[in-house]
Amino acid sequence: MAKNQLKKCLWILDTIYRTGGISYKDICVRWEREHGKDGMGRLSNSSFREYIDRIEDMFDINIDCIPSAGYKYRITSEHDLEGRNAGSRLLKAFAVNNILSGNSALEGRVIYEEIPSGEKHLLPILDAMRINRVIEVGYASFNRQDPRTYRVEPYAVKVHHRRWYLLARDCGKWDFRHLALDRMKEVRMLDATFTIDPEFDVDAYYDGAYGVITGMEDEYDIEDVRIKVYNDFHRVEYLRTLPLHRSQREVETSEDQAVFAYRLRPTDDFLNAVLALGGDAEVLEPAWFRDYVAEELKRMLGRYQ
């Protein structure tokens, strides 16, 4: 799907969702008001129906026209977009980038973080995922000088720290690998198809992971990590409103500090997240991770001495 078509689909979905139901006539009025000068064209009835079909396929939801409600289009899925389904995640990841940034009335007034090279390869990957097609990826990793070509089965995509990652299984193998989209040189959909393992659960796969470092069960156990956070610069409030990890719980609270508990594998990506808290945080347990953070802080200090 072309970028402009995706933007239109997202705009329609967001409009239907936010209004709780809207007629085609009222959608056309809003469309003209918001996009009349953007070169996005008139929203014909046939185009509107085509976008609805694409939205339903892409986000795994149902949108129906309800005659008894004044022929309003509503989301009628059993699970809505507040849930944890793939459609919800994808909409949240794209909404600001593709809708707000394309609105002429907000041009120059909305600043967002761009994801390097994500959109270029993400759409063809999503298309391949939707119809279970194998893809061929030209990939240049940081630890190899020469690009490699992978033939993989695309299972899932995940965004972490402003990078899109593809979780894929090598053809003919059981091993999964992560491929960063910003390191992809080319993505080509092949004719070959694959069947997703019926036992695969993406949430279970990332259980205990901080980001995209997985498959390290032999080196790291899922542990209870406790971090004391000092509130000198409102760091506690920042973590309350933007948790460091989905498992975050506040287990102790006082006027000037709080203790947050996490249940995860404390891999190096989590180490970096803890270090980013600077002097506002102190790892309490486990003891080995506290020592690990302390050693890394000594190494960092050595850079300045």
C-alpha atoms as a PDB file:
ATOM      1  CA  MET A   1       0.000   0.000   0.000  1.00  0.00           C
ATOM      2  CA  ALA A   2       1.376   3.407  -0.934  1.00  0.00           C
ATOM      3  CA  LYS A   3       2.206   5.846   1.831  1.00  0.00           C
ATOM      4  CA  ASN A   4      -0.577   8.250   0.807  1.00  0.00           C
ATOM      5  CA  GLN A   5      -3.159   5.448   0.852  1.00  0.00           C
ATOM      6  CA  LEU A   6      -2.039   4.385   4.311  1.00  0.00           C
ATOM      7  CA  LYS A   7      -2.439   7.967   5.501  1.00  0.00           C
ATOM      8  CA  LYS A   8      -6.009   8.049   4.163  1.00  0.00           C
ATOM      9  CA  CYS A   9      -6.873   4.723   5.802  1.00  0.00           C
ATOM     10  CA  LEU A  10      -5.497   5.879   9.138  1.00  0.00           C
ATOM     11  CA  TRP A  11      -7.369   9.164   8.933  1.00  0.00           C
ATOM     12  CA  ILE A  12     -10.685   7.375   8.233  1.00  0.00           C
ATOM     13  CA  LEU A  13     -10.138   4.835  10.996  1.00  0.00           C
ATOM     14  CA  ASP A  14      -9.169   7.510  13.512  1.00  0.00           C
ATOM     15  CA  THR A  15     -12.216   9.605  12.577  1.00  0.00           C
ATOM     16  CA  ILE A  16     -14.647   6.701  12.952  1.00  0.00           C
ATOM     17  CA  TYR A  17     -13.061   5.670  16.229  1.00  0.00           C
ATOM     18  CA  ARG A  18     -12.925   9.124  17.828  1.00  0.00           C
ATOM     19  CA  THR A  19     -16.497  10.051  16.860  1.00  0.00           C
ATOM     20  CA  GLY A  20     -17.972   6.724  17.951  1.00  0.00           C
ATOM     21  CA  GLY A  21     -19.832   6.591  14.654  1.00  0.00           C
ATOM     22  CA  ILE A  22     -20.132   8.910  11.663  1.00  0.00           C
ATOM     23  CA  SER A  23     -21.990   8.973   8.360  1.00  0.00           C
ATOM     24  CA  TYR A  24     -20.275   8.966   4.993  1.00  0.00           C
ATOM     25  CA  LYS A  25     -21.643  12.466   4.348  1.00  0.00           C
ATOM     26  CA  ASP A  26     -20.117  13.846   7.558  1.00  0.00           C
ATOM     27  CA  ILE A  27     -16.809  12.106   6.833  1.00  0.00           C
ATOM     28  CA  CYS A  28     -16.713  13.846   3.445  1.00  0.00           C
ATOM     29  CA  VAL A  29     -17.298  17.215   5.140  1.00  0.00           C
ATOM     30  CA  ARG A  30     -14.422  16.611   7.559  1.00  0.00           C
ATOM     31  CA  TRP A  31     -12.234  15.294   4.752  1.00  0.00           C
ATOM     32  CA  GLU A  32     -12.749  18.432   2.669  1.00  0.00           C
ATOM     33  CA  ARG A  33     -12.145  20.689   5.687  1.00  0.00           C
ATOM     34  CA  GLU A  34      -8.917  18.956   6.746  1.00  0.00           C
ATOM     35  CA  HIS A  35      -7.497  17.767   3.421  1.00  0.00           C
ATOM     36  CA  GLY A  36      -9.079  19.929   0.765  1.00  0.00           C
ATOM     37  CA  LYS A  37      -5.793  21.770   0.209  1.00  0.00           C
ATOM     38  CA  ASP A  38      -3.494  18.781   0.695  1.00  0.00           C
ATOM     39  CA  GLY A  39      -3.888  17.278  -2.739  1.00  0.00           C
ATOM     40  CA  MET A  40      -5.470  14.132  -1.294  1.00  0.00           C
ATOM     41  CA  GLY A  41      -8.397  14.362  -3.698  1.00  0.00           C
ATOM     42  CA  ARG A  42     -12.125  13.992  -3.198  1.00  0.00           C
ATOM     43  CA  LEU A  43     -13.311  11.072  -1.082  1.00  0.00           C
ATOM     44  CA  SER A  44     -15.633   9.241  -3.442  1.00  0.00           C
ATOM     45  CA  ASN A  45     -17.990   6.561  -2.165  1.00  0.00           C
ATOM     46  CA  SER A  46     -16.115   3.821  -4.022  1.00  0.00           C
ATOM     47  CA  SER A  47     -12.773   4.973  -2.619  1.00  0.00           C
ATOM     48  CA  PHE A  48     -14.278   5.179   0.850  1.00  0.00           C
ATOM     49  CA  ARG A  49     -15.499   1.577   0.620  1.00  0.00           C
ATOM     50  CA  GLU A  50     -12.085   0.467  -0.632  1.00  0.00           C
ATOM     51  CA  TYR A  51     -10.385   2.135   2.330  1.00  0.00           C
ATOM     52  CA  ILE A  52     -12.844   0.499   4.754  1.00  0.00           C
ATOM     53  CA  ASP A  53     -11.999  -2.923   3.303  1.00  0.00           C
ATOM     54  CA  ARG A  54      -8.271  -2.249   3.638  1.00  0.00           C
ATOM     55  CA  ILE A  55      -8.694  -1.025   7.200  1.00  0.00           C
ATOM     56  CA  GLU A  56     -10.552  -4.194   8.147  1.00  0.00           C
ATOM     57  CA  ASP A  57      -7.829  -6.377   6.635  1.00  0.00           C
ATOM     58  CA  MET A  58      -4.940  -4.396   8.092  1.00  0.00           C
ATOM     59  CA  PHE A  59      -6.225  -3.872  11.626  1.00  0.00           C
ATOM     60  CA  ASP A  60      -8.355  -7.017  12.008  1.00  0.00           C
ATOM     61  CA  ILE A  61     -11.496  -5.100  12.944  1.00  0.00           C
ATOM     62  CA  ASN A  62     -15.039  -4.827  11.620  1.00  0.00           C
ATOM     63  CA  ILE A  63     -16.591  -1.550  10.480  1.00  0.00           C
ATOM     64  CA  ASP A  64     -20.300  -1.612   9.651  1.00  0.00           C
ATOM     65  CA  CYS A  65     -22.851   0.915   8.451  1.00  0.00           C
ATOM     66  CA  ILE A  66     -25.719   0.996  10.986  1.00  0.00           C
ATOM     67  CA  PRO A  67     -29.024   2.098   9.325  1.00  0.00           C
ATOM     68  CA  SER A  68     -30.821   2.462  12.675  1.00  0.00           C
ATOM     69  CA  ALA A  69     -28.171   4.945  13.794  1.00  0.00           C
ATOM     70  CA  GLY A  70     -28.573   7.221  10.800  1.00  0.00           C
ATOM     71  CA  TYR A  71     -26.357   5.140   8.503  1.00  0.00           C
ATOM     72  CA  LYS A  72     -23.318   5.804  10.626  1.00  0.00           C
ATOM     73  CA  TYR A  73     -20.156   3.776  10.251  1.00  0.00           C
ATOM     74  CA  ARG A  74     -19.015   2.227  13.506  1.00  0.00           C
ATOM     75  CA  ILE A  75     -16.372  -0.190  14.715  1.00  0.00           C
ATOM     76  CA  THR A  76     -18.327  -3.303  15.642  1.00  0.00           C
ATOM     77  CA  SER A  77     -15.517  -5.708  16.511  1.00  0.00           C
ATOM     78  CA  GLU A  78     -15.678  -7.626  19.748  1.00  0.00           C
ATOM     79  CA  HIS A  79     -12.257  -6.138  20.582  1.00  0.00           C
ATOM     80  CA  ASP A  80     -11.862  -2.410  20.078  1.00  0.00           C
ATOM     81  CA  LEU A  81      -8.820  -0.305  19.474  1.00  0.00           C
ATOM     82  CA  GLU A  82      -8.131   0.085  23.187  1.00  0.00           C
ATOM     83  CA  GLY A  83      -7.112  -3.565  23.273  1.00  0.00           C
ATOM     84  CA  ARG A  84      -3.730  -5.210  22.807  1.00  0.00           C
ATOM     85  CA  ASN A  85      -4.324  -6.569  19.321  1.00  0.00           C
ATOM     86  CA  ALA A  86      -1.969  -5.903  16.438  1.00  0.00           C
ATOM     87  CA  GLY A  87      -4.287  -3.308  14.928  1.00  0.00           C
ATOM     88  CA  SER A  88      -4.259  -1.257  18.095  1.00  0.00           C
ATOM     89  CA  ARG A  89      -0.482  -1.301  18.307  1.00  0.00           C
ATOM     90  CA  LEU A  90      -0.020  -0.418  14.661  1.00  0.00           C
ATOM     91  CA  LEU A  91      -2.492   2.458  14.809  1.00  0.00           C
ATOM     92  CA  LYS A  92      -0.812   3.933  17.885  1.00  0.00           C
ATOM     93  CA  ALA A  93       2.607   3.621  16.262  1.00  0.00           C
ATOM     94  CA  PHE A  94       1.517   5.357  13.049  1.00  0.00           C
ATOM     95  CA  ALA A  95      -1.149   7.836  14.135  1.00  0.00           C
ATOM     96  CA  VAL A  96       0.923  10.910  15.001  1.00  0.00           C
ATOM     97  CA  ASN A  97       3.442  10.361  12.210  1.00  0.00           C
ATOM     98  CA  ASN A  98       0.989   9.803   9.384  1.00  0.00           C
ATOM     99  CA  ILE A  99      -2.065  11.810  10.395  1.00  0.00           C
ATOM    100  CA  LEU A 100      -0.903  14.888  12.283  1.00  0.00           C
ATOM    101  CA  SER A 101       2.164  15.475  10.151  1.00  0.00           C
ATOM    102  CA  GLY A 102       0.032  15.392   7.007  1.00  0.00           C
ATOM    103  CA  ASN A 103      -2.538  17.926   8.191  1.00  0.00           C
ATOM    104  CA  SER A 104      -1.947  21.293   6.575  1.00  0.00           C
ATOM    105  CA  ALA A 105      -3.688  23.109   9.437  1.00  0.00           C
ATOM    106  CA  LEU A 106      -1.043  21.752  11.825  1.00  0.00           C
ATOM    107  CA  GLU A 107       1.952  22.164   9.540  1.00  0.00           C
ATOM    108  CA  GLY A 108       4.881  23.567  11.457  1.00  0.00           C
ATOM    109  CA  ARG A 109       3.098  23.078  14.789  1.00  0.00           C
ATOM    110  CA  VAL A 110       3.473  19.344  15.413  1.00  0.00           C
ATOM    111  CA  ILE A 111       6.938  17.991  16.141  1.00  0.00           C
ATOM    112  CA  TYR A 112       7.374  14.226  16.382  1.00  0.00           C
ATOM    113  CA  GLU A 113      10.207  11.743  16.539  1.00  0.00           C
ATOM    114  CA  GLU A 114      10.932  10.136  13.218  1.00  0.00           C
ATOM    115  CA  ILE A 115      11.822   6.458  12.992  1.00  0.00           C
ATOM    116  CA  PRO A 116      14.806   6.102  10.620  1.00  0.00           C
ATOM    117  CA  SER A 117      13.954   4.176   7.438  1.00  0.00           C
ATOM    118  CA  GLY A 118      11.055   2.440   9.131  1.00  0.00           C
ATOM    119  CA  GLU A 119       8.203   3.309   6.828  1.00  0.00           C
ATOM    120  CA  LYS A 120      10.074   2.475   3.640  1.00  0.00           C
ATOM    121  CA  HIS A 121      10.328  -1.241   4.435  1.00  0.00           C
ATOM    122  CA  LEU A 122       7.526  -1.625   6.943  1.00  0.00           C
ATOM    123  CA  LEU A 123       4.614  -1.576   4.501  1.00  0.00           C
ATOM    124  CA  PRO A 124       5.864  -4.380   2.225  1.00  0.00           C
ATOM    125  CA  ILE A 125       6.715  -6.430   5.311  1.00  0.00           C
ATOM    126  CA  LEU A 126       3.195  -5.936   6.673  1.00  0.00           C
ATOM    127  CA  ASP A 127       1.747  -6.978   3.325  1.00  0.00           C
ATOM    128  CA  ALA A 128       3.828 -10.160   3.425  1.00  0.00           C
ATOM    129  CA  MET A 129       2.762 -10.855   7.010  1.00  0.00           C
ATOM    130  CA  ARG A 130      -0.889 -10.416   6.114  1.00  0.00           C
ATOM    131  CA  ILE A 131      -0.794 -13.139   3.419  1.00  0.00           C
ATOM    132  CA  ASN A 132       1.949 -15.309   4.965  1.00  0.00           C
ATOM    133  CA  ARG A 133       4.501 -14.844   2.208  1.00  0.00           C
ATOM    134  CA  VAL A 134       8.238 -15.416   2.538  1.00  0.00           C
ATOM    135  CA  ILE A 135      10.407 -12.339   2.022  1.00  0.00           C
ATOM    136  CA  GLU A 136      13.987 -11.874   0.900  1.00  0.00           C
ATOM    137  CA  VAL A 137      15.882  -9.213   2.844  1.00  0.00           C
ATOM    138  CA  GLY A 138      19.164  -7.594   1.858  1.00  0.00           C
ATOM    139  CA  TYR A 139      20.708  -6.741   5.214  1.00  0.00           C
ATOM    140  CA  ALA A 140      23.799  -4.850   6.345  1.00  0.00           C
ATOM    141  CA  SER A 141      24.446  -5.499  10.024  1.00  0.00           C
ATOM    142  CA  PHE A 142      26.813  -3.439  12.139  1.00  0.00           C
ATOM    143  CA  ASN A 143      29.160  -6.382  12.721  1.00  0.00           C
ATOM    144  CA  ARG A 144      29.617  -7.376   9.057  1.00  0.00           C
ATOM    145  CA  GLN A 145      31.195  -5.379   6.262  1.00  0.00           C
ATOM    146  CA  ASP A 146      29.398  -7.193   3.453  1.00  0.00           C
ATOM    147  CA  PRO A 147      25.586  -7.231   3.252  1.00  0.00           C
ATOM    148  CA  ARG A 148      23.867 -10.591   3.569  1.00  0.00           C
ATOM    149  CA  THR A 149      20.662 -11.881   2.033  1.00  0.00           C
ATOM    150  CA  TYR A 150      18.122 -13.617   4.248  1.00  0.00           C
ATOM    151  CA  ARG A 151      15.050 -15.576   3.226  1.00  0.00           C
ATOM    152  CA  VAL A 152      12.744 -15.392   6.188  1.00  0.00           C
ATOM    153  CA  GLU A 153       9.195 -15.932   7.368  1.00  0.00           C
ATOM    154  CA  PRO A 154       7.980 -12.584   8.794  1.00  0.00           C
ATOM    155  CA  TYR A 155       6.242 -13.249  12.117  1.00  0.00           C
ATOM    156  CA  ALA A 156       5.963  -9.897  13.875  1.00  0.00           C
ATOM    157  CA  VAL A 157       7.211  -6.314  13.937  1.00  0.00           C
ATOM    158  CA  LYS A 158       8.116  -4.307  17.009  1.00  0.00           C
ATOM    159  CA  VAL A 159       9.247  -0.737  17.540  1.00  0.00           C
ATOM    160  CA  HIS A 160      11.801  -0.094  20.268  1.00  0.00           C
ATOM    161  CA  HIS A 161      13.757   3.093  20.916  1.00  0.00           C
ATOM    162  CA  ARG A 162      12.834   4.681  17.567  1.00  0.00           C
ATOM    163  CA  ARG A 163      13.708   1.579  15.540  1.00  0.00           C
ATOM    164  CA  TRP A 164      11.428  -0.909  13.843  1.00  0.00           C
ATOM    165  CA  TYR A 165      12.472  -4.541  14.161  1.00  0.00           C
ATOM    166  CA  LEU A 166      11.242  -7.570  12.256  1.00  0.00           C
ATOM    167  CA  LEU A 167      10.957 -10.813  14.176  1.00  0.00           C
ATOM    168  CA  ALA A 168      11.492 -13.489  11.547  1.00  0.00           C
ATOM    169  CA  ARG A 169      12.230 -17.180  11.278  1.00  0.00           C
ATOM    170  CA  ASP A 170      14.860 -18.382   8.840  1.00  0.00           C
ATOM    171  CA  CYS A 171      13.326 -20.583   6.161  1.00  0.00           C
ATOM    172  CA  GLY A 172      13.784 -24.230   7.024  1.00  0.00           C
ATOM    173  CA  LYS A 173      14.913 -23.456  10.589  1.00  0.00           C
ATOM    174  CA  TRP A 174      13.260 -23.000  13.955  1.00  0.00           C
ATOM    175  CA  ASP A 175      15.465 -20.151  15.107  1.00  0.00           C
ATOM    176  CA  PHE A 176      14.106 -16.617  15.257  1.00  0.00           C
ATOM    177  CA  ARG A 177      16.157 -13.521  14.509  1.00  0.00           C
ATOM    178  CA  HIS A 178      15.575  -9.784  14.764  1.00  0.00           C
ATOM    179  CA  LEU A 179      16.305  -7.638  11.728  1.00  0.00           C
ATOM    180  CA  ALA A 180      16.336  -3.857  12.154  1.00  0.00           C
ATOM    181  CA  LEU A 181      14.468  -2.136   9.354  1.00  0.00           C
ATOM    182  CA  ASP A 182      16.942   0.748   9.200  1.00  0.00           C
ATOM    183  CA  ARG A 183      19.662  -1.736   8.236  1.00  0.00           C
ATOM    184  CA  MET A 184      17.639  -3.311   5.438  1.00  0.00           C
ATOM    185  CA  LYS A 185      18.792  -2.456   1.929  1.00  0.00           C
ATOM    186  CA  GLU A 186      15.994  -4.238   0.105  1.00  0.00           C
ATOM    187  CA  VAL A 187      12.833  -6.195   0.889  1.00  0.00           C
ATOM    188  CA  ARG A 188      11.299  -8.419  -1.755  1.00  0.00           C
ATOM    189  CA  MET A 189       8.168 -10.528  -1.395  1.00  0.00           C
ATOM    190  CA  LEU A 190       8.549 -14.047  -2.825  1.00  0.00           C
ATOM    191  CA  ASP A 191       5.953 -16.439  -4.178  1.00  0.00           C
ATOM    192  CA  ALA A 192       6.652 -18.976  -1.444  1.00  0.00           C
ATOM    193  CA  THR A 193       4.214 -19.083   1.466  1.00  0.00           C
ATOM    194  CA  PHE A 194       4.570 -20.300   5.027  1.00  0.00           C
ATOM    195  CA  THR A 195       2.357 -21.362   7.909  1.00  0.00           C
ATOM    196  CA  ILE A 196       2.719 -19.651  11.251  1.00  0.00           C
ATOM    197  CA  ASP A 197       3.425 -22.005  14.127  1.00  0.00           C
ATOM    198  CA  PRO A 198       0.022 -22.346  15.878  1.00  0.00           C
ATOM    199  CA  GLU A 199       1.823 -22.414  19.226  1.00  0.00           C
ATOM    200  CA  PHE A 200       3.510 -19.063  18.627  1.00  0.00           C
ATOM    201  CA  ASP A 201       2.410 -16.286  20.993  1.00  0.00           C
ATOM    202  CA  VAL A 202       4.147 -12.946  20.485  1.00  0.00           C
ATOM    203  CA  ASP A 203       3.440 -11.766  24.030  1.00  0.00           C
ATOM    204  CA  ALA A 204       4.825 -14.994  25.475  1.00  0.00           C
ATOM    205  CA  TYR A 205       7.861 -14.719  23.208  1.00  0.00           C
ATOM    206  CA  TYR A 206       8.721 -11.276  24.593  1.00  0.00           C
ATOM    207  CA  ASP A 207       7.829 -12.186  28.165  1.00  0.00           C
ATOM    208  CA  GLY A 208      10.663 -10.965  30.345  1.00  0.00           C
ATOM    209  CA  ALA A 209      12.334  -9.026  27.545  1.00  0.00           C
ATOM    210  CA  TYR A 210      13.068  -5.334  27.966  1.00  0.00           C
ATOM    211  CA  GLY A 211      13.389  -4.642  24.247  1.00  0.00           C
ATOM    212  CA  VAL A 212      14.338  -7.019  21.441  1.00  0.00           C
ATOM    213  CA  ILE A 213      17.110  -8.995  23.128  1.00  0.00           C
ATOM    214  CA  THR A 214      15.589 -12.471  23.377  1.00  0.00           C
ATOM    215  CA  GLY A 215      16.737 -16.071  23.276  1.00  0.00           C
ATOM    216  CA  MET A 216      19.083 -15.602  26.234  1.00  0.00           C
ATOM    217  CA  GLU A 217      17.323 -17.894  28.689  1.00  0.00           C
ATOM    218  CA  ASP A 218      20.573 -19.789  29.356  1.00  0.00           C
ATOM    219  CA  GLU A 219      22.387 -16.603  30.400  1.00  0.00           C
ATOM    220  CA  TYR A 220      19.683 -14.573  32.118  1.00  0.00           C
ATOM    221  CA  ASP A 221      16.808 -15.685  34.311  1.00  0.00           C
ATOM    222  CA  ILE A 222      13.655 -13.639  34.688  1.00  0.00           C
ATOM    223  CA  GLU A 223      14.317 -11.849  37.959  1.00  0.00           C
ATOM    224  CA  ASP A 224      12.751  -9.348  40.294  1.00  0.00           C
ATOM    225  CA  VAL A 225      14.708  -6.119  39.933  1.00  0.00           C
ATOM    226  CA  ARG A 226      14.197  -3.303  42.417  1.00  0.00           C
ATOM    227  CA  ILE A 227      15.359   0.230  41.747  1.00  0.00           C
ATOM    228  CA  LYS A 228      15.237   3.147  44.165  1.00  0.00           C
ATOM    229  CA  VAL A 229      14.470   6.377  42.358  1.00  0.00           C
ATOM    230  CA  TYR A 230      15.165   9.751  43.950  1.00  0.00           C
ATOM    231  CA  ASN A 231      12.734  12.535  43.226  1.00  0.00           C
ATOM    232  CA  ASP A 232      15.190  15.458  43.204  1.00  0.00           C
ATOM    233  CA  PHE A 233      14.236  16.340  39.627  1.00  0.00           C
ATOM    234  CA  HIS A 234      10.736  14.810  39.530  1.00  0.00           C
ATOM    235  CA  ARG A 235      12.144  11.536  38.182  1.00  0.00           C
ATOM    236  CA  VAL A 236       9.564   9.540  40.170  1.00  0.00           C
ATOM    237  CA  GLU A 237       6.702  11.384  38.512  1.00  0.00           C
ATOM    238  CA  TYR A 238       8.279  10.823  35.096  1.00  0.00           C
ATOM    239  CA  LEU A 239       8.480   7.068  35.691  1.00  0.00           C
ATOM    240  CA  ARG A 240       4.958   6.921  37.034  1.00  0.00           C
ATOM    241  CA  THR A 241       3.586   8.454  33.857  1.00  0.00           C
ATOM    242  CA  LEU A 242       6.032   6.730  31.475  1.00  0.00           C
ATOM    243  CA  PRO A 243       7.070   3.361  32.967  1.00  0.00           C
ATOM    244  CA  LEU A 244      10.494   1.971  32.197  1.00  0.00           C
ATOM    245  CA  HIS A 245       8.925  -1.448  31.424  1.00  0.00           C
ATOM    246  CA  ARG A 246       5.435  -2.882  31.259  1.00  0.00           C
ATOM    247  CA  SER A 247       6.074  -4.901  34.453  1.00  0.00           C
ATOM    248  CA  GLN A 248       6.815  -1.774  36.516  1.00  0.00           C
ATOM    249  CA  ARG A 249       5.217  -1.603  39.961  1.00  0.00           C
ATOM    250  CA  GLU A 250       5.697   1.014  42.652  1.00  0.00           C
ATOM    251  CA  VAL A 251       6.282  -0.959  45.860  1.00  0.00           C
ATOM    252  CA  GLU A 252       7.543   1.738  48.239  1.00  0.00           C
ATOM    253  CA  THR A 253       6.769   5.432  48.354  1.00  0.00           C
ATOM    254  CA  SER A 254       7.998   8.335  50.438  1.00  0.00           C
ATOM    255  CA  GLU A 255       8.094  12.075  50.000  1.00  0.00           C
ATOM    256  CA  ASP A 256      11.441  12.239  48.226  1.00  0.00           C
ATOM    257  CA  GLN A 257      11.874   8.767  46.682  1.00  0.00           C
ATOM    258  CA  ALA A 258      10.156   5.606  45.518  1.00  0.00           C
ATOM    259  CA  VAL A 259      11.111   2.004  44.839  1.00  0.00           C
ATOM    260  CA  PHE A 260      10.008   0.471  41.548  1.00  0.00           C
ATOM    261  CA  ALA A 261       9.956  -3.282  40.955  1.00  0.00           C
ATOM    262  CA  TYR A 262      10.402  -4.966  37.577  1.00  0.00           C
ATOM    263  CA  ARG A 263      10.171  -8.586  36.506  1.00  0.00           C
ATOM    264  CA  LEU A 264      12.336  -9.223  33.462  1.00  0.00           C
ATOM    265  CA  ARG A 265      15.649 -10.511  32.172  1.00  0.00           C
ATOM    266  CA  PRO A 266      18.196  -7.796  33.047  1.00  0.00           C
ATOM    267  CA  THR A 267      20.020  -7.885  29.739  1.00  0.00           C
ATOM    268  CA  ASP A 268      22.324  -5.167  28.438  1.00  0.00           C
ATOM    269  CA  ASP A 269      19.515  -3.140  26.888  1.00  0.00           C
ATOM    270  CA  PHE A 270      17.887  -2.862  30.310  1.00  0.00           C
ATOM    271  CA  LEU A 271      21.282  -1.978  31.785  1.00  0.00           C
ATOM    272  CA  ASN A 272      21.479   0.949  29.362  1.00  0.00           C
ATOM    273  CA  ALA A 273      17.985   2.083  30.361  1.00  0.00           C
ATOM    274  CA  VAL A 274      19.001   2.068  34.029  1.00  0.00           C
ATOM    275  CA  LEU A 275      22.197   3.984  33.291  1.00  0.00           C
ATOM    276  CA  ALA A 276      20.147   6.589  31.438  1.00  0.00           C
ATOM    277  CA  LEU A 277      18.486   7.441  34.771  1.00  0.00           C
ATOM    278  CA  GLY A 278      21.867   8.749  35.926  1.00  0.00           C
ATOM    279  CA  GLY A 279      22.263   9.717  39.547  1.00  0.00           C
ATOM    280  CA  ASP A 280      18.516   9.675  40.124  1.00  0.00           C
ATOM    281  CA  ALA A 281      18.447   5.869  40.440  1.00  0.00           C
ATOM    282  CA  GLU A 282      20.072   3.157  42.544  1.00  0.00           C
ATOM    283  CA  VAL A 283      19.706  -0.558  41.847  1.00  0.00           C
ATOM    284  CA  LEU A 284      18.864  -2.380  45.083  1.00  0.00           C
ATOM    285  CA  GLU A 285      18.587  -5.974  43.881  1.00  0.00           C
ATOM    286  CA  PRO A 286      19.524  -8.479  42.678  1.00  0.00           C
ATOM    287  CA  ALA A 287      23.018  -8.016  44.084  1.00  0.00           C
ATOM    288  CA  TRP A 288      24.794  -9.218  40.934  1.00  0.00           C
ATOM    289  CA  PHE A 289      22.949  -6.669  38.787  1.00  0.00           C
ATOM    290  CA  ARG A 290      23.703  -3.902  41.285  1.00  0.00           C
ATOM    291  CA  ASP A 291      27.404  -4.825  41.038  1.00  0.00           C
ATOM    292  CA  TYR A 292      27.152  -4.998  37.243  1.00  0.00           C
ATOM    293  CA  VAL A 293      25.721  -1.466  37.089  1.00  0.00           C
ATOM    294  CA  ALA A 294      28.415  -0.230  39.476  1.00  0.00           C
ATOM    295  CA  GLU A 295      31.186  -1.711  37.323  1.00  0.00           C
ATOM    296  CA  GLU A 296      29.726  -0.104  34.221  1.00  0.00           C
ATOM    297  CA  LEU A 297      29.570   3.247  36.005  1.00  0.00           C
ATOM    298  CA  LYS A 298      33.258   2.895  36.901  1.00  0.00           C
ATOM    299  CA  ARG A 299      34.041   2.151  33.261  1.00  0.00           C
ATOM    300  CA  MET A 300      32.088   5.235  32.197  1.00  0.00           C
ATOM    301  CA  LEU A 301      33.899   7.380  34.744  1.00  0.00           C
ATOM    302  CA  GLY A 302      37.220   6.099  33.423  1.00  0.00           C
ATOM    303  CA  ARG A 303      36.412   7.683  30.064  1.00  0.00           C
ATOM    304  CA  TYR A 304      36.587  11.105  31.711  1.00  0.00           C
ATOM    305  CA  GLN A 305      39.686  10.582  33.831  1.00  0.00           C
END
